[in-house]
Each structure stands twice: as structure tokens, then as C-alpha cells.
Amino acid sequence: MQKLEWIMCPICKNKTRLKMRDDTIMKNFPLYCPKCKNEILIEVKNMQIKVIKE
């Protein structure tokens, strides 16, 4: 069974509307947070979220 986990906003630390699995890979993904209304670029690999600074 795959492990599912919510993607948390790196700014306000709240849940976003997206989930990731063990095998999820995202690159240059624009993550939008409905709570703080910010959009930030992230990379996801091995359930680890990394913020991309431009």
C-alpha cells in the first residue's frame, strides 16, 4: 500500500489541497496555498519538499 501525505505550505505550515505518494516526483511545481494565498515553486522527491528560490 502506498503512503499518502498532505503537501504542507512551506510558508504558513498548513495543508494545501494536494497529496503526495511515496513515488511522487515534482520539479518546478507552482504550489498555491489557499490559506496564506501565496504561490511558491517546489520540488518533491522521496516525500521531501524543497523550496526553489528564484
N, C-alpha and C. Protein backbone atom coordinates (compact mmCIF):
# COMPACT_ATOMS: atom_id res chain seq x y z
N MET A 1 0.84 -1.19 0.00
CA MET A 1 0.00 0.00 0.00
C MET A 1 0.88 1.24 0.00
N GLN A 2 0.49 2.22 -0.80
CA GLN A 2 1.25 3.46 -0.90
C GLN A 2 0.96 4.36 0.30
N LYS A 3 2.00 5.04 0.73
CA LYS A 3 1.85 6.00 1.82
C LYS A 3 1.44 7.34 1.21
N LEU A 4 0.37 7.95 1.73
CA LEU A 4 -0.11 9.25 1.27
C LEU A 4 0.11 10.28 2.36
N GLU A 5 0.48 11.47 1.93
CA GLU A 5 0.74 12.55 2.89
C GLU A 5 0.36 13.87 2.23
N TRP A 6 -0.22 14.77 3.02
CA TRP A 6 -0.57 16.09 2.50
C TRP A 6 0.70 16.90 2.24
N ILE A 7 0.67 17.70 1.19
CA ILE A 7 1.76 18.65 0.96
C ILE A 7 1.47 19.87 1.81
N MET A 8 2.42 20.22 2.65
CA MET A 8 2.25 21.35 3.55
C MET A 8 2.89 22.61 2.94
N CYS A 9 2.26 23.74 3.19
CA CYS A 9 2.80 25.01 2.70
C CYS A 9 4.09 25.32 3.45
N PRO A 10 5.19 25.63 2.75
CA PRO A 10 6.44 25.94 3.44
C PRO A 10 6.42 27.28 4.15
N ILE A 11 5.46 28.13 3.82
CA ILE A 11 5.38 29.47 4.44
C ILE A 11 4.57 29.44 5.73
N CYS A 12 3.32 28.97 5.65
CA CYS A 12 2.45 29.00 6.82
C CYS A 12 2.29 27.65 7.52
N LYS A 13 2.84 26.57 6.93
CA LYS A 13 2.83 25.22 7.51
C LYS A 13 1.44 24.59 7.60
N ASN A 14 0.50 25.04 6.78
CA ASN A 14 -0.83 24.44 6.74
C ASN A 14 -0.97 23.53 5.53
N LYS A 15 -2.00 22.69 5.55
CA LYS A 15 -2.25 21.76 4.45
C LYS A 15 -2.65 22.53 3.20
N THR A 16 -2.17 22.04 2.06
CA THR A 16 -2.66 22.54 0.78
C THR A 16 -3.70 21.55 0.28
N ARG A 17 -4.12 21.68 -0.95
CA ARG A 17 -5.14 20.78 -1.49
C ARG A 17 -4.55 19.58 -2.20
N LEU A 18 -3.26 19.36 -2.04
CA LEU A 18 -2.58 18.28 -2.77
C LEU A 18 -2.02 17.25 -1.81
N LYS A 19 -1.97 16.01 -2.31
CA LYS A 19 -1.34 14.92 -1.57
C LYS A 19 -0.19 14.38 -2.39
N MET A 20 0.79 13.78 -1.73
CA MET A 20 1.88 13.12 -2.43
C MET A 20 1.98 11.69 -1.95
N ARG A 21 2.47 10.84 -2.84
CA ARG A 21 2.70 9.43 -2.52
C ARG A 21 4.20 9.20 -2.40
N ASP A 22 4.57 7.97 -2.05
CA ASP A 22 5.99 7.61 -1.92
C ASP A 22 6.76 7.85 -3.21
N ASP A 23 6.11 7.58 -4.34
CA ASP A 23 6.80 7.66 -5.63
C ASP A 23 6.55 8.97 -6.39
N THR A 24 6.00 9.98 -5.72
CA THR A 24 5.73 11.26 -6.37
C THR A 24 7.02 12.03 -6.60
N ILE A 25 7.16 12.53 -7.83
CA ILE A 25 8.30 13.38 -8.17
C ILE A 25 7.74 14.62 -8.87
N MET A 26 8.05 15.79 -8.35
CA MET A 26 7.64 17.06 -8.95
C MET A 26 8.87 17.92 -9.11
N LYS A 27 8.91 18.65 -10.21
CA LYS A 27 10.03 19.54 -10.45
C LYS A 27 9.47 20.87 -10.94
N ASN A 28 9.89 21.96 -10.31
CA ASN A 28 9.41 23.31 -10.65
C ASN A 28 7.88 23.39 -10.60
N PHE A 29 7.32 22.88 -9.52
CA PHE A 29 5.88 22.85 -9.36
C PHE A 29 5.40 24.10 -8.63
N PRO A 30 4.47 24.87 -9.20
CA PRO A 30 3.94 26.06 -8.52
C PRO A 30 2.88 25.67 -7.49
N LEU A 31 3.24 25.63 -6.26
CA LEU A 31 2.33 25.25 -5.17
C LEU A 31 1.60 26.49 -4.68
N TYR A 32 0.27 26.41 -4.66
CA TYR A 32 -0.56 27.51 -4.19
C TYR A 32 -1.17 27.13 -2.85
N CYS A 33 -1.08 28.03 -1.89
CA CYS A 33 -1.68 27.80 -0.58
C CYS A 33 -2.96 28.62 -0.46
N PRO A 34 -4.10 27.96 -0.23
CA PRO A 34 -5.36 28.70 -0.12
C PRO A 34 -5.48 29.52 1.17
N LYS A 35 -4.71 29.16 2.16
CA LYS A 35 -4.80 29.89 3.43
C LYS A 35 -4.01 31.20 3.40
N CYS A 36 -2.74 31.13 3.03
CA CYS A 36 -1.92 32.36 3.02
C CYS A 36 -1.90 33.03 1.65
N LYS A 37 -2.50 32.36 0.65
CA LYS A 37 -2.65 32.89 -0.71
C LYS A 37 -1.32 33.24 -1.37
N ASN A 38 -0.32 32.44 -1.10
CA ASN A 38 0.98 32.59 -1.73
C ASN A 38 1.21 31.43 -2.69
N GLU A 39 2.03 31.71 -3.69
CA GLU A 39 2.42 30.67 -4.63
C GLU A 39 3.94 30.57 -4.58
N ILE A 40 4.44 29.35 -4.48
CA ILE A 40 5.87 29.14 -4.34
C ILE A 40 6.28 27.93 -5.18
N LEU A 41 7.46 27.97 -5.75
CA LEU A 41 7.96 26.85 -6.54
C LEU A 41 8.60 25.82 -5.62
N ILE A 42 8.23 24.55 -5.84
CA ILE A 42 8.79 23.48 -5.01
C ILE A 42 9.26 22.33 -5.88
N GLU A 43 10.08 21.48 -5.29
CA GLU A 43 10.46 20.19 -5.86
C GLU A 43 10.13 19.14 -4.82
N VAL A 44 9.60 18.01 -5.27
CA VAL A 44 9.26 16.91 -4.37
C VAL A 44 9.92 15.65 -4.88
N LYS A 45 10.63 14.97 -3.99
CA LYS A 45 11.25 13.69 -4.32
C LYS A 45 11.44 12.92 -3.01
N ASN A 46 11.03 11.67 -3.01
CA ASN A 46 11.13 10.82 -1.81
C ASN A 46 10.45 11.44 -0.59
N MET A 47 9.27 12.00 -0.82
CA MET A 47 8.46 12.60 0.24
C MET A 47 9.15 13.80 0.91
N GLN A 48 10.14 14.38 0.28
CA GLN A 48 10.84 15.55 0.79
C GLN A 48 10.51 16.74 -0.10
N ILE A 49 10.15 17.86 0.54
CA ILE A 49 9.79 19.08 -0.19
C ILE A 49 10.94 20.06 -0.10
N LYS A 50 11.33 20.58 -1.25
CA LYS A 50 12.42 21.55 -1.31
C LYS A 50 11.89 22.80 -2.00
N VAL A 51 12.12 23.97 -1.39
CA VAL A 51 11.68 25.24 -1.96
C VAL A 51 12.74 25.70 -2.96
N ILE A 52 12.27 26.15 -4.13
CA ILE A 52 13.17 26.66 -5.16
C ILE A 52 13.18 28.18 -5.07
N LYS A 53 14.35 28.75 -4.84
CA LYS A 53 14.49 30.20 -4.77
C LYS A 53 14.89 30.70 -6.15
N GLU A 54 14.18 31.73 -6.60
CA GLU A 54 14.49 32.28 -7.92
C GLU A 54 15.41 33.47 -7.80
